[in-house]
Structures are given as C-alpha cells and as structure tokens.
N, C-alpha and C. Protein backbone atom coordinates (compact mmCIF):
# COMPACT_ATOMS: atom_id res chain seq x y z
N MET A 1 83.09 210.35 214.76
CA MET A 1 84.77 210.73 215.10
C MET A 1 85.17 211.74 216.22
N VAL A 2 85.85 211.75 217.07
CA VAL A 2 86.17 212.71 217.85
C VAL A 2 87.32 213.69 217.20
N GLU A 3 87.08 214.94 217.14
CA GLU A 3 88.00 215.91 216.80
C GLU A 3 89.32 216.14 217.48
N PHE A 4 90.29 216.18 217.36
CA PHE A 4 91.33 216.21 218.14
C PHE A 4 91.67 217.64 218.21
N ARG A 5 91.77 218.24 219.51
CA ARG A 5 91.95 219.90 219.57
C ARG A 5 93.23 219.92 220.59
N LEU A 6 93.92 221.15 220.27
CA LEU A 6 94.98 221.46 221.21
C LEU A 6 94.79 221.71 222.40
N GLU A 7 93.55 222.12 222.71
CA GLU A 7 93.21 222.37 224.07
C GLU A 7 92.97 221.08 225.05
N ASP A 8 92.73 220.07 224.22
CA ASP A 8 92.34 218.85 224.71
C ASP A 8 93.84 218.03 225.07
N SER A 9 94.51 218.20 224.41
CA SER A 9 95.93 217.83 224.41
C SER A 9 96.57 218.62 225.63
N ASP A 10 96.43 219.53 225.72
CA ASP A 10 97.00 220.56 226.80
C ASP A 10 96.17 220.02 228.24
N LYS A 11 95.02 219.78 228.15
CA LYS A 11 94.38 219.65 229.66
C LYS A 11 94.74 218.10 229.99
N HIS A 12 95.28 217.13 228.92
CA HIS A 12 95.67 215.93 229.26
C HIS A 12 97.25 215.82 229.81
N GLU A 13 97.86 216.77 229.20
CA GLU A 13 99.34 217.03 229.58
C GLU A 13 99.14 217.93 231.03
N LYS A 14 98.27 218.58 231.50
CA LYS A 14 98.38 219.32 232.59
C LYS A 14 97.81 218.23 233.91
N ALA A 15 96.95 217.42 233.53
CA ALA A 15 96.51 216.45 234.36
C ALA A 15 97.61 215.27 234.70
N ASP A 16 98.50 215.11 233.64
CA ASP A 16 99.57 214.00 233.76
C ASP A 16 100.49 214.91 234.68
N LYS A 17 100.86 216.05 234.44
CA LYS A 17 101.75 216.88 235.62
C LYS A 17 101.39 216.66 236.70
N LYS A 18 100.04 216.83 237.12
CA LYS A 18 99.50 217.02 238.37
C LYS A 18 99.69 215.48 239.04
N ARG A 19 99.75 214.46 238.17
CA ARG A 19 99.68 213.04 238.74
C ARG A 19 101.27 212.88 239.10
N GLU A 20 101.96 213.46 238.15
CA GLU A 20 103.60 213.25 238.29
C GLU A 20 103.90 213.91 239.52
N ASP A 21 103.35 215.11 239.90
CA ASP A 21 103.74 215.81 241.05
C ASP A 21 103.33 214.90 242.43
N LEU A 22 102.43 213.95 242.51
CA LEU A 22 102.08 213.17 243.65
C LEU A 22 103.14 212.33 243.89
N LYS A 23 104.09 211.87 243.08
CA LYS A 23 104.75 210.70 243.04
C LYS A 23 105.77 211.18 244.32
N GLY A 24 106.48 210.03 245.03
CA GLY A 24 107.53 210.26 245.96
C GLY A 24 107.05 210.81 247.05
N LYS A 25 105.84 211.37 247.29
CA LYS A 25 105.29 212.24 248.47
C LYS A 25 104.21 211.27 249.15
N VAL A 26 104.39 211.64 250.62
CA VAL A 26 103.33 211.11 251.52
C VAL A 26 102.21 211.80 251.35
N LEU A 27 101.23 210.81 250.93
CA LEU A 27 99.88 211.50 250.82
C LEU A 27 98.75 211.28 251.61
N ASP A 28 97.64 212.20 251.95
CA ASP A 28 96.52 211.93 252.51
C ASP A 28 95.49 212.06 251.45
N LEU A 29 95.19 210.88 251.02
CA LEU A 29 94.27 210.74 249.91
C LEU A 29 92.93 211.54 250.20
N ARG A 30 92.42 211.87 251.41
CA ARG A 30 91.04 212.31 251.86
C ARG A 30 91.16 214.00 251.31
N ASN A 31 92.67 214.36 251.23
CA ASN A 31 92.84 215.84 250.82
C ASN A 31 93.04 216.17 249.53
N LEU A 32 92.86 215.08 248.76
CA LEU A 32 93.29 215.30 247.08
C LEU A 32 91.99 215.32 246.54
N VAL A 33 90.77 215.13 246.92
CA VAL A 33 89.56 215.38 246.33
C VAL A 33 88.60 216.42 247.17
N ASN A 34 87.78 217.28 246.58
CA ASN A 34 87.13 218.14 247.61
C ASN A 34 85.74 218.01 247.10
N TYR A 35 84.75 218.21 248.36
CA TYR A 35 83.30 217.91 248.09
C TYR A 35 82.66 218.88 247.01
N ALA A 36 81.90 218.49 246.28
CA ALA A 36 81.13 219.55 245.41
C ALA A 36 79.60 219.51 245.82
N GLU A 37 79.03 220.55 246.22
CA GLU A 37 77.60 220.31 246.58
C GLU A 37 76.64 219.91 245.58
N GLY A 38 75.81 218.95 246.13
CA GLY A 38 74.94 218.41 245.17
C GLY A 38 75.29 217.53 243.91
N THR A 39 76.58 217.16 244.10
CA THR A 39 77.32 216.18 242.92
C THR A 39 78.39 215.40 243.53
N VAL A 40 79.10 214.57 242.37
CA VAL A 40 79.92 213.82 242.66
C VAL A 40 81.35 214.29 242.13
N ALA A 41 82.45 214.29 242.71
CA ALA A 41 83.58 214.87 242.20
C ALA A 41 84.89 213.73 242.09
N SER A 42 85.62 214.00 241.14
CA SER A 42 86.67 212.61 241.01
C SER A 42 87.90 213.28 240.77
N ARG A 43 88.96 212.42 241.07
CA ARG A 43 90.19 212.96 240.67
C ARG A 43 91.13 211.67 240.44
N MET A 44 91.77 211.59 239.27
CA MET A 44 92.51 210.27 238.90
C MET A 44 93.76 210.66 239.44
N ILE A 45 94.45 209.50 240.03
CA ILE A 45 96.04 210.09 240.50
C ILE A 45 96.85 208.88 239.99
N ILE A 46 96.25 207.88 239.50
CA ILE A 46 97.22 206.90 238.67
C ILE A 46 96.41 206.59 237.32
N SER A 47 96.99 206.56 236.23
CA SER A 47 96.31 206.15 234.89
C SER A 47 97.18 205.80 234.09
N ARG A 48 97.22 204.19 233.97
CA ARG A 48 98.01 203.27 233.12
C ARG A 48 97.04 202.26 232.55
N LYS A 49 97.85 201.76 231.44
CA LYS A 49 97.32 200.62 230.78
C LYS A 49 96.87 199.66 231.64
N ALA A 50 97.57 199.20 232.60
CA ALA A 50 97.30 198.26 233.47
C ALA A 50 96.09 198.51 234.22
N GLY A 51 95.71 199.68 234.67
CA GLY A 51 94.81 200.09 235.69
C GLY A 51 94.82 201.54 236.13
N ASN A 52 93.67 202.02 236.99
CA ASN A 52 93.47 203.27 237.16
C ASN A 52 93.49 203.14 238.74
N ILE A 53 93.68 204.35 239.49
CA ILE A 53 93.24 204.79 240.91
C ILE A 53 92.58 206.17 240.89
N THR A 54 91.16 206.16 241.12
CA THR A 54 90.68 207.48 241.36
C THR A 54 90.05 207.83 242.67
N LEU A 55 90.12 208.90 242.81
CA LEU A 55 89.53 209.39 244.11
C LEU A 55 88.15 210.10 243.90
N PHE A 56 86.98 209.67 244.82
CA PHE A 56 85.95 210.39 244.39
C PHE A 56 85.38 211.00 245.61
N SER A 57 84.62 212.12 245.82
CA SER A 57 83.90 212.60 246.88
C SER A 57 82.22 212.57 246.27
N PHE A 58 81.57 212.21 247.06
CA PHE A 58 80.18 212.16 247.04
C PHE A 58 79.36 213.18 248.16
N ASP A 59 78.77 213.95 247.60
CA ASP A 59 77.76 214.92 248.58
C ASP A 59 76.68 214.05 248.96
N GLU A 60 75.98 214.37 250.24
CA GLU A 60 75.09 213.42 250.85
C GLU A 60 74.03 213.40 249.71
N ASN A 61 73.57 212.21 249.65
CA ASN A 61 72.53 211.45 249.17
C ASN A 61 72.70 211.44 247.57
N GLU A 62 74.16 211.59 246.99
CA GLU A 62 74.52 211.41 245.72
C GLU A 62 74.88 209.77 245.83
N GLY A 63 75.13 209.47 244.41
CA GLY A 63 75.33 208.16 244.22
C GLY A 63 75.88 207.58 243.05
N LEU A 64 76.05 206.23 242.80
CA LEU A 64 76.54 205.80 241.25
C LEU A 64 75.13 204.92 241.09
N SER A 65 74.66 205.09 240.18
CA SER A 65 73.57 204.04 239.93
C SER A 65 74.32 202.68 239.48
N GLU A 66 73.29 201.64 239.38
CA GLU A 66 73.72 200.31 239.17
C GLU A 66 74.38 200.20 237.90
N HIS A 67 75.28 199.52 237.69
CA HIS A 67 76.23 199.27 236.47
C HIS A 67 77.07 198.15 236.67
N THR A 68 77.85 197.51 235.78
CA THR A 68 78.80 196.72 235.78
C THR A 68 80.09 197.05 235.28
N ALA A 69 81.10 196.44 235.57
CA ALA A 69 82.46 196.79 235.00
C ALA A 69 83.38 195.60 234.61
N PRO A 70 83.98 195.49 233.51
CA PRO A 70 84.46 194.37 233.05
C PRO A 70 85.83 193.87 233.82
N TYR A 71 86.09 194.51 235.06
CA TYR A 71 87.09 194.15 235.94
C TYR A 71 86.90 194.22 237.17
N ASP A 72 87.66 193.63 238.17
CA ASP A 72 87.23 193.64 239.75
C ASP A 72 87.67 195.06 240.01
N ALA A 73 86.90 195.78 240.89
CA ALA A 73 87.16 197.11 241.53
C ALA A 73 87.49 197.06 242.99
N VAL A 74 88.32 197.54 243.40
CA VAL A 74 88.61 197.77 244.77
C VAL A 74 88.10 199.12 245.35
N VAL A 75 87.25 199.09 246.37
CA VAL A 75 86.62 200.44 246.71
C VAL A 75 87.17 200.52 248.37
N THR A 76 87.66 201.44 248.50
CA THR A 76 88.25 201.86 250.08
C THR A 76 87.38 203.13 250.67
N ILE A 77 86.69 203.24 251.46
CA ILE A 77 85.84 204.30 252.20
C ILE A 77 87.03 205.36 252.91
N LEU A 78 87.18 206.54 252.53
CA LEU A 78 88.32 206.92 253.07
C LEU A 78 87.68 208.07 254.12
N GLU A 79 86.60 208.38 254.10
CA GLU A 79 85.67 209.04 255.21
C GLU A 79 84.17 209.10 254.96
N GLY A 80 83.57 209.23 256.13
CA GLY A 80 81.85 209.26 255.76
C GLY A 80 81.49 207.94 255.73
N GLU A 81 79.93 207.91 255.19
CA GLU A 81 79.43 206.40 255.29
C GLU A 81 78.64 206.51 253.88
N CYS A 82 78.42 205.13 253.32
CA CYS A 82 77.83 204.86 252.13
C CYS A 82 77.20 203.38 252.14
N GLU A 83 76.17 203.43 251.37
CA GLU A 83 75.64 201.79 251.32
C GLU A 83 76.15 201.48 249.65
N VAL A 84 76.35 200.28 249.85
CA VAL A 84 76.90 199.59 248.42
C VAL A 84 75.82 198.38 248.24
N TRP A 85 75.63 198.23 246.99
CA TRP A 85 74.72 197.07 246.49
C TRP A 85 75.60 196.25 245.69
N ILE A 86 75.53 195.17 245.74
CA ILE A 86 76.22 193.91 244.82
C ILE A 86 75.39 192.75 244.76
N ALA A 87 74.97 192.75 243.46
CA ALA A 87 74.07 191.56 243.04
C ALA A 87 72.76 191.62 244.17
N GLY A 88 72.25 192.70 244.61
CA GLY A 88 71.15 192.62 245.07
C GLY A 88 71.04 192.72 246.76
N GLN A 89 72.39 192.79 247.12
CA GLN A 89 72.68 192.41 248.44
C GLN A 89 73.42 193.82 248.98
N THR A 90 72.86 194.35 249.93
CA THR A 90 73.20 195.67 250.43
C THR A 90 73.78 195.82 251.83
N GLN A 91 75.07 196.59 251.63
CA GLN A 91 76.03 196.65 252.94
C GLN A 91 76.06 197.98 253.00
N ARG A 92 76.24 198.24 254.56
CA ARG A 92 76.86 199.88 255.00
C ARG A 92 78.21 199.75 255.10
N MET A 93 78.91 200.91 254.66
CA MET A 93 80.33 200.98 254.90
C MET A 93 80.73 202.09 255.53
N LYS A 94 82.03 202.26 256.01
CA LYS A 94 82.35 203.51 256.71
C LYS A 94 84.04 203.70 256.37
N ASP A 95 84.33 204.66 257.13
CA ASP A 95 85.96 205.15 256.87
C ASP A 95 86.75 204.15 257.14
N GLY A 96 87.82 203.55 256.32
CA GLY A 96 88.59 202.58 256.82
C GLY A 96 88.38 201.14 255.90
N GLU A 97 86.93 201.12 255.54
CA GLU A 97 86.72 199.80 255.11
C GLU A 97 86.85 199.83 253.73
N THR A 98 86.93 198.23 253.06
CA THR A 98 86.99 198.11 251.75
C THR A 98 86.41 196.89 251.40
N ILE A 99 86.08 197.17 250.05
CA ILE A 99 84.99 196.26 249.46
C ILE A 99 85.57 195.81 248.05
N ILE A 100 85.47 194.48 247.54
CA ILE A 100 85.90 194.29 246.12
C ILE A 100 84.63 194.14 245.31
N PHE A 101 84.38 194.92 244.24
CA PHE A 101 83.12 194.73 243.50
C PHE A 101 83.48 193.53 242.25
N PRO A 102 82.60 192.40 242.29
CA PRO A 102 83.35 191.62 241.37
C PRO A 102 83.29 191.72 239.97
N ALA A 103 83.91 191.71 239.02
CA ALA A 103 83.86 191.99 237.28
C ALA A 103 82.70 191.42 237.04
N ASN A 104 81.79 192.03 236.19
CA ASN A 104 80.52 191.93 235.48
C ASN A 104 79.65 191.33 236.43
N VAL A 105 79.46 191.89 237.49
CA VAL A 105 78.39 191.65 238.57
C VAL A 105 77.75 193.10 238.64
N PRO A 106 76.55 193.38 238.80
CA PRO A 106 76.11 194.60 238.82
C PRO A 106 76.49 195.24 240.45
N HIS A 107 76.58 196.25 240.48
CA HIS A 107 76.68 197.16 241.71
C HIS A 107 76.40 198.51 241.68
N ALA A 108 76.21 198.97 243.02
CA ALA A 108 76.02 200.56 242.76
C ALA A 108 76.32 200.97 244.31
N LEU A 109 76.15 202.06 244.61
CA LEU A 109 76.50 202.89 245.77
C LEU A 109 76.02 204.36 246.01
N SER A 110 75.47 204.49 247.01
CA SER A 110 74.72 205.80 247.37
C SER A 110 75.39 206.19 249.13
N ALA A 111 75.37 207.57 248.92
CA ALA A 111 75.86 208.33 250.23
C ALA A 111 75.02 208.25 251.12
N ILE A 112 75.29 207.98 252.42
CA ILE A 112 74.44 208.20 253.56
C ILE A 112 74.79 209.69 254.27
N THR A 113 76.20 209.72 254.08
CA THR A 113 76.57 211.03 254.68
C THR A 113 77.71 211.34 253.41
N LYS A 114 78.16 212.84 253.58
CA LYS A 114 79.20 213.04 252.55
C LYS A 114 80.26 211.84 252.63
N PHE A 115 80.79 211.57 251.72
CA PHE A 115 81.84 210.47 251.76
C PHE A 115 82.78 210.67 251.04
N LYS A 116 84.31 209.89 250.72
CA LYS A 116 85.11 209.89 250.05
C LYS A 116 85.80 208.67 249.78
N MET A 117 86.04 208.11 248.64
CA MET A 117 86.28 206.97 248.39
C MET A 117 87.61 206.89 247.48
N SER A 118 88.34 205.77 247.33
CA SER A 118 89.45 205.47 246.45
C SER A 118 88.75 204.18 245.70
N LEU A 119 89.04 204.30 244.52
CA LEU A 119 88.76 203.37 243.68
C LEU A 119 89.86 202.80 243.02
N THR A 120 90.34 201.56 242.97
CA THR A 120 91.43 200.83 242.16
C THR A 120 90.94 199.71 241.18
N MET A 121 91.36 199.97 240.19
CA MET A 121 90.71 198.96 239.10
C MET A 121 92.05 198.50 238.23
N ILE A 122 92.25 197.32 238.27
CA ILE A 122 93.32 196.53 237.59
C ILE A 122 92.67 195.77 236.37
N ARG A 123 93.19 196.10 235.34
CA ARG A 123 92.70 195.35 233.83
C ARG A 123 93.65 194.07 233.95
N GLU A 124 92.85 193.05 233.08
CA GLU A 124 93.65 192.06 232.86
C GLU A 124 94.51 192.28 231.78
C-alpha cells in the first residue's frame, strides 16, 4: 500500500498548476521539455481520465524498450530523428512526422539524434 504524504499532494498540485498555466497560450511544444544528458526527460501537459498528452526529450542513443499499451498512442516528432519499431517493422522518423502505435501491439523507439516528441494517448 502506498502511503499518502503531504509532499506528494503538494507535488501534484504544483504540476497541476503548471499545466493550468499553459492554457489559452500559444505554445511551442519543443520549448516545454529540455534535453537531459544521457537520459529521457518528460513533461505531461494534459492529464485527464480520458487521456494524456506528454512531451518527451531523448538524448542521442536513448530510447524506450519494446512494450505494449492498452490504447492507441499518437506520436509526433517535434525535432530530431528516431527509429520506431512496430510489430517487428522498423521506420525512421523526423520532425513533423506522426505515427500511431496500435493498442496491444509491441512497439519501441530509439534516438538517432537527440529528439523530442509529443505522445497523445486517448483512453476508451
């Protein structure tokens, strides 16, 4: 069982406030998540029961290992290049391109260069 702590509540409230501050403004999504050397960074910009929109930055040669998700996921490359694998098929993607990872189908991705992406997941 996870213990509820005040700092957890404060942390979620601060994240919610930051997301609220984005509403009604013109945004350049590329500027909302920064690169972190040797790792993957993320920032959720919408979080609802119906789905999420999360921004990711990947350092060169970083990636996400093969996995599945119970919902379709829409990935749009914001800058840089990566390779994606869907059910064993490899495709190269660059900024401005979008792909839909089908629900329950194994997929993965890997950075060719540093890259940023937007992930939209709508739950049924």
